[in-house]
């Protein structure tokens, strides 16, 4: 009989702790969501500011410089897309017989 009273007393004392803990988790979820939302806004603002800085940088160059920069960019993209695989990977591909994955650039 005393054991049942002790168990009931312990359960009554633990009930408020469980209830308050669940409230804290919901507040944490809301706080985390708000933090994530602010983080996304900051990232979006950063990309916009970066694009504006690029435009400002391009406008400060002369026409010939802009042309050469564009040519260099296109050439770099072309070279990056058609680059061969690392030589050790090619060796292993030949030894083990797996196919090369396509580079998506």
N, C-alpha and C. Protein backbone atom coordinates (compact mmCIF):
# COMPACT_ATOMS: atom_id res chain seq x y z
N UNK A 1 0.82 -1.20 0.00
CA UNK A 1 0.00 0.00 0.00
C UNK A 1 0.87 1.27 0.00
N UNK A 2 1.94 1.24 0.81
CA UNK A 2 2.81 2.40 0.86
C UNK A 2 3.54 2.60 -0.47
N UNK A 3 3.86 1.47 -1.12
CA UNK A 3 4.56 1.54 -2.41
C UNK A 3 3.69 2.24 -3.45
N UNK A 4 2.42 1.93 -3.46
CA UNK A 4 1.50 2.55 -4.44
C UNK A 4 1.38 4.05 -4.17
N UNK A 5 1.35 4.44 -2.88
CA UNK A 5 1.27 5.86 -2.53
C UNK A 5 2.52 6.59 -3.01
N UNK A 6 3.70 5.97 -2.80
CA UNK A 6 4.95 6.59 -3.24
C UNK A 6 5.00 6.75 -4.77
N UNK A 7 4.54 5.72 -5.48
CA UNK A 7 4.54 5.78 -6.94
C UNK A 7 3.59 6.87 -7.42
N UNK A 8 2.41 6.97 -6.80
CA UNK A 8 1.44 7.99 -7.17
C UNK A 8 1.99 9.38 -6.88
N UNK A 9 2.65 9.54 -5.73
CA UNK A 9 3.23 10.81 -5.37
C UNK A 9 4.33 11.23 -6.36
N UNK A 10 5.17 10.28 -6.74
CA UNK A 10 6.24 10.57 -7.70
C UNK A 10 5.66 10.96 -9.05
N UNK A 11 4.62 10.24 -9.49
CA UNK A 11 4.00 10.58 -10.77
C UNK A 11 3.36 11.97 -10.74
N UNK A 12 2.73 12.32 -9.62
CA UNK A 12 2.13 13.65 -9.51
C UNK A 12 3.20 14.74 -9.51
N UNK A 13 4.32 14.46 -8.90
CA UNK A 13 5.40 15.45 -8.88
C UNK A 13 6.10 15.57 -10.24
N UNK A 14 6.13 14.48 -11.02
CA UNK A 14 6.80 14.50 -12.32
C UNK A 14 5.92 15.07 -13.43
N UNK A 15 4.61 15.07 -13.27
CA UNK A 15 3.69 15.52 -14.31
C UNK A 15 3.95 16.97 -14.73
N UNK A 16 4.11 17.93 -13.81
CA UNK A 16 4.37 19.31 -14.26
C UNK A 16 5.69 19.44 -15.03
N UNK A 17 6.67 18.64 -14.69
CA UNK A 17 7.95 18.71 -15.40
C UNK A 17 7.80 18.28 -16.85
N UNK A 18 7.02 17.25 -17.08
CA UNK A 18 6.81 16.75 -18.43
C UNK A 18 6.04 17.78 -19.25
N UNK A 19 5.05 18.41 -18.64
CA UNK A 19 4.23 19.39 -19.35
C UNK A 19 5.05 20.62 -19.71
N UNK A 20 5.85 21.13 -18.78
CA UNK A 20 6.65 22.32 -19.07
C UNK A 20 7.74 22.01 -20.09
N UNK A 21 8.26 20.82 -20.08
CA UNK A 21 9.29 20.45 -21.05
C UNK A 21 8.72 20.44 -22.46
N UNK A 22 7.50 19.96 -22.64
CA UNK A 22 6.90 19.93 -23.97
C UNK A 22 6.65 21.34 -24.48
N UNK A 23 6.33 22.29 -23.62
CA UNK A 23 6.14 23.68 -24.05
C UNK A 23 7.46 24.26 -24.53
N UNK A 24 8.53 23.91 -23.87
CA UNK A 24 9.83 24.42 -24.27
C UNK A 24 10.21 23.93 -25.67
N UNK A 25 9.90 22.68 -25.97
CA UNK A 25 10.27 22.17 -27.29
C UNK A 25 9.49 22.88 -28.39
N UNK A 26 8.22 23.20 -28.15
CA UNK A 26 7.46 23.91 -29.19
C UNK A 26 8.03 25.31 -29.38
N UNK A 27 8.45 25.97 -28.30
CA UNK A 27 9.08 27.28 -28.44
C UNK A 27 10.40 27.17 -29.20
N UNK A 28 11.15 26.11 -28.95
CA UNK A 28 12.40 25.91 -29.66
C UNK A 28 12.15 25.70 -31.15
N UNK A 29 11.11 24.93 -31.48
CA UNK A 29 10.79 24.71 -32.89
C UNK A 29 10.45 26.02 -33.59
N UNK A 30 9.65 26.85 -32.92
CA UNK A 30 9.30 28.15 -33.51
C UNK A 30 10.54 29.02 -33.66
N UNK A 31 11.40 28.99 -32.66
CA UNK A 31 12.62 29.80 -32.71
C UNK A 31 13.52 29.31 -33.84
N UNK A 32 13.64 27.98 -33.97
CA UNK A 32 14.47 27.42 -35.05
C UNK A 32 13.91 27.79 -36.42
N UNK A 33 12.59 27.72 -36.57
CA UNK A 33 11.98 28.11 -37.84
C UNK A 33 12.25 29.58 -38.15
N UNK A 34 12.15 30.44 -37.14
CA UNK A 34 12.41 31.86 -37.34
C UNK A 34 13.87 32.10 -37.73
N UNK A 35 14.77 31.37 -37.07
CA UNK A 35 16.19 31.50 -37.39
C UNK A 35 16.46 31.05 -38.81
N UNK A 36 15.87 29.94 -39.23
CA UNK A 36 16.05 29.45 -40.59
C UNK A 36 15.51 30.45 -41.61
N UNK A 37 14.37 31.05 -41.31
CA UNK A 37 13.77 32.03 -42.21
C UNK A 37 14.69 33.24 -42.36
N UNK A 38 15.22 33.72 -41.23
CA UNK A 38 16.14 34.86 -41.29
C UNK A 38 17.41 34.51 -42.06
N UNK A 39 17.87 33.28 -41.88
CA UNK A 39 19.08 32.84 -42.58
C UNK A 39 18.85 32.84 -44.09
N UNK A 40 17.69 32.33 -44.53
CA UNK A 40 17.36 32.33 -45.95
C UNK A 40 17.28 33.76 -46.50
N UNK A 41 16.69 34.68 -45.73
CA UNK A 41 16.61 36.08 -46.17
C UNK A 41 18.01 36.66 -46.33
N UNK A 42 18.89 36.40 -45.36
CA UNK A 42 20.25 36.92 -45.43
C UNK A 42 20.99 36.38 -46.65
N UNK A 43 20.81 35.08 -46.92
CA UNK A 43 21.47 34.48 -48.08
C UNK A 43 20.96 35.10 -49.37
N UNK A 44 19.66 35.34 -49.44
CA UNK A 44 19.08 35.94 -50.63
C UNK A 44 19.62 37.36 -50.82
N UNK A 45 19.68 38.12 -49.72
CA UNK A 45 20.23 39.48 -49.80
C UNK A 45 21.70 39.45 -50.20
N UNK A 46 22.45 38.48 -49.69
CA UNK A 46 23.86 38.37 -50.04
C UNK A 46 24.04 38.10 -51.53
N UNK A 47 23.20 37.22 -52.10
CA UNK A 47 23.34 36.93 -53.53
C UNK A 47 22.99 38.16 -54.36
N UNK A 48 21.97 38.91 -53.94
CA UNK A 48 21.59 40.12 -54.67
C UNK A 48 22.72 41.14 -54.61
N UNK A 49 23.31 41.31 -53.43
CA UNK A 49 24.41 42.26 -53.29
C UNK A 49 25.62 41.82 -54.11
N UNK A 50 25.86 40.52 -54.17
CA UNK A 50 26.99 40.01 -54.95
C UNK A 50 26.78 40.28 -56.44
N UNK A 51 25.55 40.05 -56.93
CA UNK A 51 25.26 40.32 -58.33
C UNK A 51 25.42 41.80 -58.65
N UNK A 52 24.97 42.67 -57.74
CA UNK A 52 25.13 44.10 -57.96
C UNK A 52 26.60 44.49 -58.00
N UNK A 53 27.40 43.88 -57.12
CA UNK A 53 28.84 44.18 -57.10
C UNK A 53 29.49 43.73 -58.40
N UNK A 54 29.07 42.57 -58.92
CA UNK A 54 29.61 42.12 -60.21
C UNK A 54 29.27 43.09 -61.33
N UNK A 55 28.03 43.55 -61.36
CA UNK A 55 27.63 44.50 -62.40
C UNK A 55 28.43 45.80 -62.29
N UNK A 56 28.60 46.28 -61.05
CA UNK A 56 29.36 47.51 -60.85
C UNK A 56 30.81 47.33 -61.30
N UNK A 57 31.37 46.16 -61.01
CA UNK A 57 32.74 45.87 -61.42
C UNK A 57 32.86 45.83 -62.94
N UNK A 58 31.88 45.20 -63.60
CA UNK A 58 31.91 45.13 -65.06
C UNK A 58 31.76 46.51 -65.69
N UNK A 59 30.92 47.37 -65.10
CA UNK A 59 30.72 48.71 -65.66
C UNK A 59 31.95 49.59 -65.49
N UNK A 60 32.75 49.31 -64.49
CA UNK A 60 33.93 50.14 -64.28
C UNK A 60 35.07 49.78 -65.24
N UNK A 61 34.93 48.65 -65.95
CA UNK A 61 35.96 48.24 -66.92
C UNK A 61 35.71 48.89 -68.28
N UNK A 62 36.74 48.94 -69.09
CA UNK A 62 36.58 49.46 -70.45
C UNK A 62 35.91 48.39 -71.32
N UNK A 63 35.48 48.81 -72.51
CA UNK A 63 34.78 47.89 -73.39
C UNK A 63 35.68 46.72 -73.82
N UNK A 64 36.92 47.00 -74.14
CA UNK A 64 37.85 45.94 -74.54
C UNK A 64 38.11 44.96 -73.39
N UNK A 65 38.23 45.48 -72.19
CA UNK A 65 38.47 44.62 -71.04
C UNK A 65 37.28 43.70 -70.80
N UNK A 66 36.07 44.27 -70.92
CA UNK A 66 34.87 43.45 -70.74
C UNK A 66 34.82 42.33 -71.77
N UNK A 67 35.17 42.64 -73.03
CA UNK A 67 35.19 41.61 -74.07
C UNK A 67 36.18 40.51 -73.73
N UNK A 68 37.36 40.89 -73.30
CA UNK A 68 38.38 39.87 -72.99
C UNK A 68 37.96 39.05 -71.77
N UNK A 69 37.31 39.70 -70.80
CA UNK A 69 36.83 38.96 -69.62
C UNK A 69 35.77 37.94 -70.03
N UNK A 70 34.85 38.35 -70.92
CA UNK A 70 33.82 37.42 -71.39
C UNK A 70 34.44 36.26 -72.15
N UNK A 71 35.40 36.56 -73.02
CA UNK A 71 36.08 35.50 -73.78
C UNK A 71 36.78 34.53 -72.84
N UNK A 72 37.45 35.07 -71.83
CA UNK A 72 38.17 34.22 -70.88
C UNK A 72 37.20 33.32 -70.10
N UNK A 73 36.03 33.88 -69.76
CA UNK A 73 35.02 33.10 -69.03
C UNK A 73 34.50 31.96 -69.90
N UNK A 74 34.18 32.26 -71.17
CA UNK A 74 33.68 31.22 -72.06
C UNK A 74 34.74 30.15 -72.29
N UNK A 75 35.97 30.56 -72.44
CA UNK A 75 37.06 29.60 -72.66
C UNK A 75 37.25 28.72 -71.43
N UNK A 76 37.16 29.31 -70.25
CA UNK A 76 37.31 28.53 -69.01
C UNK A 76 36.19 27.52 -68.88
N UNK A 77 34.96 27.94 -69.20
CA UNK A 77 33.83 27.00 -69.14
C UNK A 77 34.02 25.86 -70.14
N UNK A 78 34.47 26.20 -71.35
CA UNK A 78 34.69 25.17 -72.36
C UNK A 78 35.75 24.17 -71.91
N UNK A 79 36.85 24.67 -71.36
CA UNK A 79 37.92 23.78 -70.90
C UNK A 79 37.48 22.93 -69.72
N UNK A 80 36.68 23.49 -68.85
CA UNK A 80 36.22 22.74 -67.68
C UNK A 80 35.29 21.59 -68.09
N UNK A 81 34.45 21.82 -69.09
CA UNK A 81 33.49 20.80 -69.50
C UNK A 81 34.17 19.63 -70.19
N UNK A 82 35.23 19.89 -70.93
CA UNK A 82 35.86 18.82 -71.72
C UNK A 82 37.14 18.29 -71.07
N UNK A 83 37.28 18.50 -69.80
CA UNK A 83 38.50 18.07 -69.11
C UNK A 83 38.49 16.55 -68.94
N UNK A 84 39.63 15.93 -69.14
CA UNK A 84 39.73 14.49 -68.95
C UNK A 84 39.70 14.15 -67.48
N UNK A 85 39.36 12.90 -67.21
CA UNK A 85 39.31 12.42 -65.84
C UNK A 85 40.73 12.30 -65.29
N UNK A 86 40.87 12.35 -63.97
CA UNK A 86 42.16 12.22 -63.32
C UNK A 86 42.79 10.89 -63.72
N UNK A 87 44.12 10.87 -63.94
CA UNK A 87 44.76 9.70 -64.56
C UNK A 87 44.63 8.44 -63.71
N UNK A 88 44.64 8.57 -62.39
CA UNK A 88 44.50 7.38 -61.54
C UNK A 88 43.09 6.81 -61.69
N UNK A 89 42.10 7.67 -61.80
CA UNK A 89 40.73 7.19 -62.02
C UNK A 89 40.62 6.45 -63.34
N UNK A 90 41.30 6.96 -64.37
CA UNK A 90 41.28 6.28 -65.66
C UNK A 90 41.92 4.90 -65.55
N UNK A 91 43.03 4.79 -64.81
CA UNK A 91 43.68 3.49 -64.63
C UNK A 91 42.75 2.51 -63.94
N UNK A 92 42.11 2.97 -62.86
CA UNK A 92 41.22 2.07 -62.13
C UNK A 92 40.01 1.68 -62.98
N UNK A 93 39.54 2.60 -63.80
CA UNK A 93 38.41 2.28 -64.66
C UNK A 93 38.79 1.16 -65.62
N UNK A 94 40.01 1.23 -66.17
CA UNK A 94 40.47 0.19 -67.08
C UNK A 94 40.67 -1.13 -66.36
N UNK A 95 41.20 -1.08 -65.13
CA UNK A 95 41.45 -2.32 -64.40
C UNK A 95 40.18 -2.98 -63.92
N UNK A 96 39.23 -2.17 -63.39
CA UNK A 96 38.04 -2.75 -62.79
C UNK A 96 36.83 -2.71 -63.71
N UNK A 97 36.92 -2.02 -64.82
CA UNK A 97 35.88 -2.06 -65.84
C UNK A 97 34.65 -1.24 -65.56
N UNK A 98 34.71 -0.17 -64.76
CA UNK A 98 33.53 0.66 -64.59
C UNK A 98 33.62 1.84 -65.55
N UNK A 99 32.45 2.40 -65.88
CA UNK A 99 32.39 3.45 -66.89
C UNK A 99 32.58 4.82 -66.25
N UNK A 100 33.07 5.75 -67.06
CA UNK A 100 33.29 7.11 -66.60
C UNK A 100 31.96 7.84 -66.47
N UNK A 101 31.81 8.59 -65.37
CA UNK A 101 30.61 9.40 -65.21
C UNK A 101 30.75 10.67 -66.03
N UNK A 102 29.63 11.14 -66.56
CA UNK A 102 29.67 12.34 -67.38
C UNK A 102 29.81 13.56 -66.49
N UNK A 103 30.64 14.49 -66.88
CA UNK A 103 30.79 15.75 -66.15
C UNK A 103 29.63 16.66 -66.52
N UNK A 104 28.96 17.20 -65.49
CA UNK A 104 27.83 18.06 -65.76
C UNK A 104 28.21 19.53 -65.75
N UNK A 105 29.47 19.81 -65.43
CA UNK A 105 29.96 21.19 -65.51
C UNK A 105 29.61 22.01 -64.40
